[in-house]
Amino acid sequence: MWPDSLVRELVEKRCIIHLGSGISSQSTNENGDRLPSWHDLLDYLKEKTLTEANDIQLVNEFLEHKKFLDAGEVIRTKGSDAEYNAKIREVFIESGFKPSASHEVIVNIAPKIISTTNFDTLMESSLIDNSGNDSFTQFDHTRDGLLDAIRSPGTILVKMHGCAKHSSQTILSRSDYFKLRKKHRQFFELTSSLYKVNTVLFIGCGIEDPDINLLLENNNIETDSSNPSYALVGSRSYAYKIRESIRSQYNIQVISYEQESDNDHTKFSEKLCELADKVDEVRAKHGTVA
């Protein structure tokens, strides 16, 4: 069940919806392909950017043990920057992926702020398809004006770790993160504050994914608050298995959708639609915040 308190936060636009790689995996291109998992992306980048056998073997060892941030570190520090930039664009921009029904549901829920650590442009495309190019303002660490936009009534899309359109500015490793945090300090301090003072609903986020690791490690979600943030995860996921630890460590309450197997996400969109229906019901009864 979706908590009434979360629904109210969404209706009153006090909840940030954060999108992880799981929502992008709902999308396909005309060939029926899906975007790669973090493991598969890092494995692909390893093959395309690294030339030294020792580096390749090290990445293989990190991938085997699901140490994805460490694998990304080797790729970014030892690999070809030119190949990295080209392959990020190839995977996320040039492969023709289209927004999924889940992206449309997020648009219809209409939060004030949508944030994502995804490199793809699927959320942007869905917002444009729904309401046009002027329906939202997009920010990442390279663009100023986020604070002014927060004070305005419009929808905001925050690309926390950059966009594949500007692949050299994407964040894949800890060194990427701290290098860009030092250069764009105001952006990262502001986004950290947003995560601390707002309820956050994490959708499609694996707790072991490198982007979420970085986000949780470096943004101070308020752990002593009586009002939790929330995460939608599969009932067979690693995050669900350690849900009590997640609640105590990050003050994030896990909400699950049913899975028949580890790779079964057929109920994901259905669970999101249930949330959208509850939001619509409260809006119809009590009105909405502009």
Protein backbone atom coordinates (compact mmCIF):
# COMPACT_ATOMS: atom_id res chain seq x y z
CA MET A 1 0.00 0.00 0.00
CA TRP A 2 1.07 3.55 -0.72
CA PRO A 3 1.05 5.61 2.51
CA ASP A 4 -1.49 8.43 2.64
CA SER A 5 1.21 10.75 3.96
CA LEU A 6 3.32 10.21 0.83
CA VAL A 7 0.32 10.79 -1.43
CA ARG A 8 -0.38 14.06 0.37
CA GLU A 9 3.26 15.15 0.02
CA LEU A 10 3.02 14.55 -3.74
CA VAL A 11 -0.27 16.43 -4.06
CA GLU A 12 1.19 19.38 -2.16
CA LYS A 13 4.41 19.19 -4.22
CA ARG A 14 6.65 18.63 -1.22
CA CYS A 15 8.04 15.35 -2.54
CA ILE A 16 10.94 14.91 -4.94
CA ILE A 17 10.65 11.89 -7.23
CA HIS A 18 14.09 10.43 -7.86
CA LEU A 19 14.44 8.07 -10.83
CA GLY A 20 17.08 5.35 -11.00
CA SER A 21 18.13 2.98 -13.74
CA GLY A 22 15.20 0.64 -13.10
CA ILE A 23 12.71 3.00 -14.72
CA SER A 24 14.90 3.36 -17.80
CA SER A 25 15.04 -0.43 -18.12
CA GLN A 26 11.29 -0.33 -18.81
CA SER A 27 12.01 1.39 -22.15
CA THR A 28 12.77 -0.30 -25.45
CA ASN A 29 13.86 0.74 -28.95
CA GLU A 30 12.46 -0.41 -32.28
CA ASN A 31 14.55 -3.59 -32.08
CA GLY A 32 13.11 -4.50 -28.70
CA ASP A 33 16.44 -3.82 -26.96
CA ARG A 34 16.60 -2.47 -23.42
CA LEU A 35 19.15 -0.19 -21.82
CA PRO A 36 21.94 -2.14 -20.10
CA SER A 37 22.11 -2.83 -16.39
CA TRP A 38 24.96 -1.21 -14.47
CA HIS A 39 26.90 -4.48 -14.67
CA ASP A 40 26.42 -4.73 -18.43
CA LEU A 41 27.23 -1.06 -19.03
CA LEU A 42 30.48 -1.29 -17.09
CA ASP A 43 31.38 -4.53 -18.85
CA TYR A 44 30.78 -2.86 -22.22
CA LEU A 45 32.79 0.23 -21.30
CA LYS A 46 35.60 -2.00 -20.05
CA GLU A 47 35.86 -3.65 -23.47
CA LYS A 48 35.71 -0.35 -25.37
CA THR A 49 37.90 1.92 -23.23
CA LEU A 50 40.62 -0.23 -21.63
CA THR A 51 43.65 -1.71 -23.38
CA GLU A 52 45.85 -3.03 -20.56
CA ALA A 53 45.21 -6.65 -19.56
CA ASN A 54 45.76 -5.90 -15.86
CA ASP A 55 43.12 -3.14 -15.91
CA ILE A 56 40.63 -5.37 -17.70
CA GLN A 57 41.20 -8.17 -15.21
CA LEU A 58 40.77 -5.77 -12.29
CA VAL A 59 37.42 -4.56 -13.64
CA ASN A 60 36.33 -8.18 -14.13
CA GLU A 61 37.12 -8.90 -10.48
CA PHE A 62 35.21 -5.83 -9.31
CA LEU A 63 32.20 -6.75 -11.46
CA GLU A 64 32.21 -10.31 -10.15
CA HIS A 65 31.89 -8.95 -6.61
CA LYS A 66 29.44 -6.19 -7.62
CA LYS A 67 31.90 -3.45 -6.69
CA PHE A 68 30.54 -1.23 -9.43
CA LEU A 69 31.95 2.07 -8.17
CA ASP A 70 35.44 0.53 -8.11
CA ALA A 71 34.97 -0.84 -11.63
CA GLY A 72 33.87 2.62 -12.78
CA GLU A 73 36.95 4.13 -11.14
CA VAL A 74 39.28 1.95 -13.21
CA ILE A 75 37.39 2.71 -16.41
CA ARG A 76 37.44 6.47 -15.82
CA THR A 77 41.05 6.73 -14.64
CA LYS A 78 42.69 4.14 -16.91
CA GLY A 79 40.48 4.11 -19.99
CA SER A 80 40.28 6.27 -23.11
CA ASP A 81 38.24 9.43 -22.49
CA ALA A 82 37.38 9.70 -26.18
CA GLU A 83 36.03 6.16 -26.31
CA TYR A 84 34.13 6.65 -23.05
CA ASN A 85 32.42 9.79 -24.37
CA ALA A 86 31.55 8.13 -27.69
CA LYS A 87 30.16 4.96 -26.12
CA ILE A 88 28.05 6.79 -23.54
CA ARG A 89 26.41 8.74 -26.37
CA GLU A 90 26.01 5.58 -28.43
CA VAL A 91 24.27 3.68 -25.66
CA PHE A 92 22.04 6.41 -24.24
CA ILE A 93 21.41 8.82 -27.11
CA GLU A 94 21.94 7.10 -30.45
CA SER A 95 20.20 3.76 -29.81
CA GLY A 96 16.66 5.10 -30.23
CA PHE A 97 15.08 4.26 -26.87
CA LYS A 98 11.59 5.66 -26.23
CA PRO A 99 9.95 6.65 -22.93
CA SER A 100 7.95 3.88 -21.26
CA ALA A 101 4.48 3.95 -19.77
CA SER A 102 6.17 4.39 -16.39
CA HIS A 103 7.72 7.67 -17.53
CA GLU A 104 4.25 8.86 -18.54
CA VAL A 105 2.90 7.97 -15.09
CA ILE A 106 5.61 10.13 -13.47
CA VAL A 107 4.62 13.04 -15.71
CA ASN A 108 0.97 12.61 -14.70
CA ILE A 109 1.81 12.53 -10.98
CA ALA A 110 3.37 15.95 -11.68
CA PRO A 111 5.87 16.47 -8.86
CA LYS A 112 7.49 19.88 -8.55
CA ILE A 113 10.97 18.33 -8.79
CA ILE A 114 12.02 15.21 -10.66
CA SER A 115 15.62 14.22 -10.11
CA THR A 116 17.57 11.43 -11.73
CA THR A 117 21.05 9.96 -11.79
CA ASN A 118 20.31 8.41 -15.20
CA PHE A 119 22.34 9.54 -18.21
CA ASP A 120 19.53 8.99 -20.75
CA THR A 121 17.03 11.58 -21.99
CA LEU A 122 13.86 9.49 -21.55
CA MET A 123 12.31 11.65 -18.82
CA GLU A 124 12.93 14.80 -20.84
CA SER A 125 11.29 13.21 -23.88
CA SER A 126 8.24 12.18 -21.86
CA LEU A 127 7.81 15.68 -20.43
CA ILE A 128 8.11 17.19 -23.90
CA ASP A 129 5.67 14.67 -25.39
CA ASN A 130 3.14 15.55 -22.70
CA SER A 131 3.38 19.32 -22.51
CA GLY A 132 6.06 20.65 -24.89
CA ASN A 133 9.59 21.99 -24.59
CA ASP A 134 8.62 24.85 -22.29
CA SER A 135 6.84 22.68 -19.72
CA PHE A 136 9.91 22.18 -17.51
CA THR A 137 13.37 23.51 -16.79
CA GLN A 138 16.34 21.14 -16.79
CA PHE A 139 19.45 21.48 -14.65
CA ASP A 140 22.68 19.65 -14.05
CA HIS A 141 25.89 20.64 -12.29
CA THR A 142 27.02 22.72 -15.29
CA ARG A 143 24.00 25.05 -15.35
CA ASP A 144 23.25 27.93 -12.96
CA GLY A 145 19.82 29.08 -11.81
CA LEU A 146 18.48 26.08 -9.89
CA LEU A 147 17.68 28.11 -6.76
CA ASP A 148 15.63 30.65 -8.72
CA ALA A 149 13.78 27.82 -10.48
CA ILE A 150 12.89 26.19 -7.16
CA ARG A 151 11.21 29.44 -6.11
CA SER A 152 9.14 29.51 -9.32
CA PRO A 153 6.01 27.41 -9.98
CA GLY A 154 7.37 25.39 -12.92
CA THR A 155 8.44 21.73 -13.08
CA ILE A 156 12.16 21.08 -12.59
CA LEU A 157 14.19 18.15 -13.88
CA VAL A 158 17.56 17.76 -12.15
CA LYS A 159 20.16 15.52 -13.79
CA MET A 160 22.21 14.75 -10.69
CA HIS A 161 25.04 12.95 -12.50
CA GLY A 162 24.90 14.66 -15.87
CA CYS A 163 23.49 13.77 -19.27
CA ALA A 164 24.78 11.54 -22.07
CA LYS A 165 24.45 14.51 -24.44
CA HIS A 166 27.45 15.95 -22.58
CA SER A 167 29.15 12.64 -21.85
CA SER A 168 32.45 14.10 -20.67
CA GLN A 169 30.56 15.68 -17.74
CA THR A 170 28.83 12.49 -16.58
CA ILE A 171 29.57 11.00 -13.17
CA LEU A 172 30.47 7.30 -13.09
CA SER A 173 33.02 7.05 -10.27
CA ARG A 174 33.89 8.60 -6.93
CA SER A 175 36.68 10.63 -8.51
CA ASP A 176 34.22 12.00 -11.11
CA TYR A 177 31.88 12.98 -8.30
CA PHE A 178 34.43 14.74 -6.11
CA LYS A 179 36.12 16.46 -9.04
CA LEU A 180 32.84 17.93 -10.25
CA ARG A 181 31.59 18.64 -6.72
CA LYS A 182 34.69 20.76 -6.14
CA LYS A 183 34.16 22.61 -9.43
CA HIS A 184 30.38 23.06 -9.05
CA ARG A 185 30.09 23.29 -5.29
CA GLN A 186 26.93 25.42 -5.18
CA PHE A 187 24.91 22.93 -7.25
CA PHE A 188 25.85 19.97 -5.09
CA GLU A 189 25.26 21.84 -1.82
CA LEU A 190 21.82 22.95 -3.03
CA THR A 191 20.76 19.48 -4.18
CA SER A 192 22.00 18.00 -0.92
CA SER A 193 19.80 20.48 0.95
CA LEU A 194 16.81 19.57 -1.20
CA TYR A 195 17.19 15.90 -0.32
CA LYS A 196 17.44 16.79 3.34
CA VAL A 197 14.36 19.03 3.65
CA ASN A 198 11.99 17.25 1.26
CA THR A 199 10.42 13.83 1.21
CA VAL A 200 12.05 11.79 -1.56
CA LEU A 201 10.44 8.91 -3.43
CA PHE A 202 13.09 6.70 -5.05
CA ILE A 203 11.79 4.78 -8.07
CA GLY A 204 13.81 2.19 -9.98
CA CYS A 205 16.84 2.47 -7.71
CA GLY A 206 19.04 -0.46 -6.73
CA ILE A 207 20.83 0.15 -3.47
CA GLU A 208 23.92 -1.50 -4.97
CA ASP A 209 23.92 0.69 -8.10
CA PRO A 210 26.88 3.10 -8.23
CA ASP A 211 24.75 6.18 -8.85
CA ILE A 212 22.59 5.50 -5.81
CA ASN A 213 25.63 4.58 -3.71
CA LEU A 214 27.08 8.01 -4.44
CA LEU A 215 23.80 9.77 -3.81
CA LEU A 216 23.19 8.14 -0.43
CA GLU A 217 26.81 8.47 0.63
CA ASN A 218 27.05 12.17 -0.19
CA ASN A 219 23.60 13.63 0.41
CA ASN A 220 22.39 14.00 3.96
CA ILE A 221 18.90 12.56 3.95
CA GLU A 222 17.55 13.38 7.40
CA THR A 223 17.87 10.20 9.46
CA ASP A 224 16.41 11.52 12.71
CA SER A 225 13.18 12.80 11.17
CA SER A 226 9.88 11.14 12.01
CA ASN A 227 8.88 11.56 8.34
CA PRO A 228 10.67 9.03 6.14
CA SER A 229 11.50 9.08 2.47
CA TYR A 230 10.37 6.11 0.38
CA ALA A 231 11.72 3.66 -2.19
CA LEU A 232 9.79 1.43 -4.60
CA VAL A 233 11.63 -1.88 -5.03
CA GLY A 234 10.90 -5.43 -6.15
CA SER A 235 9.93 -8.02 -3.54
CA ARG A 236 12.93 -10.19 -4.52
CA SER A 237 15.46 -7.34 -4.72
CA TYR A 238 18.52 -6.92 -2.54
CA ALA A 239 17.08 -3.65 -1.24
CA TYR A 240 13.94 -5.43 -0.05
CA LYS A 241 16.01 -8.04 1.77
CA ILE A 242 17.86 -5.34 3.72
CA ARG A 243 14.86 -3.01 4.09
CA GLU A 244 15.23 -2.72 7.87
CA SER A 245 18.84 -1.62 7.49
CA ILE A 246 17.85 0.91 4.82
CA ARG A 247 15.21 2.35 7.15
CA SER A 248 17.58 2.66 10.09
CA GLN A 249 20.56 3.94 8.10
CA TYR A 250 18.87 6.31 5.64
CA ASN A 251 15.31 6.78 7.02
CA ILE A 252 13.94 5.34 3.78
CA GLN A 253 10.80 3.18 3.99
CA VAL A 254 10.71 0.44 1.37
CA ILE A 255 7.50 -0.17 -0.61
CA SER A 256 7.49 -3.29 -2.76
CA TYR A 257 5.86 -4.64 -5.89
CA GLU A 258 5.47 -8.39 -6.34
CA GLN A 259 8.06 -10.38 -8.29
CA GLU A 260 7.87 -14.00 -9.41
CA SER A 261 11.62 -14.02 -10.13
CA ASP A 262 14.60 -11.69 -9.75
CA ASN A 263 14.15 -10.31 -13.28
CA ASP A 264 10.35 -10.06 -13.16
CA HIS A 265 9.25 -6.41 -13.20
CA THR A 266 5.79 -6.83 -14.73
CA LYS A 267 4.11 -5.34 -11.64
CA PHE A 268 6.38 -2.26 -11.57
CA SER A 269 4.23 -0.05 -13.79
CA GLU A 270 1.04 -1.34 -12.19
CA LYS A 271 2.28 -0.29 -8.76
CA LEU A 272 3.15 3.18 -10.09
CA CYS A 273 -0.32 3.49 -11.61
CA GLU A 274 -1.82 2.72 -8.20
CA LEU A 275 0.10 5.67 -6.78
CA ALA A 276 -1.00 7.96 -9.62
CA ASP A 277 -4.63 6.96 -9.04
CA LYS A 278 -4.37 7.81 -5.34
CA VAL A 279 -2.77 11.17 -6.15
CA ASP A 280 -5.56 11.94 -8.63
CA GLU A 281 -8.20 10.95 -6.06
CA VAL A 282 -6.82 13.32 -3.42
CA ARG A 283 -6.39 16.13 -5.97
CA ALA A 284 -10.00 15.73 -7.08
CA LYS A 285 -11.17 15.90 -3.47
CA HIS A 286 -8.94 18.62 -2.05
CA GLY A 287 -7.48 20.43 -5.06
CA THR A 288 -3.84 20.75 -6.01
CA VAL A 289 -0.93 23.10 -5.47
CA ALA A 290 -0.04 25.21 -8.52
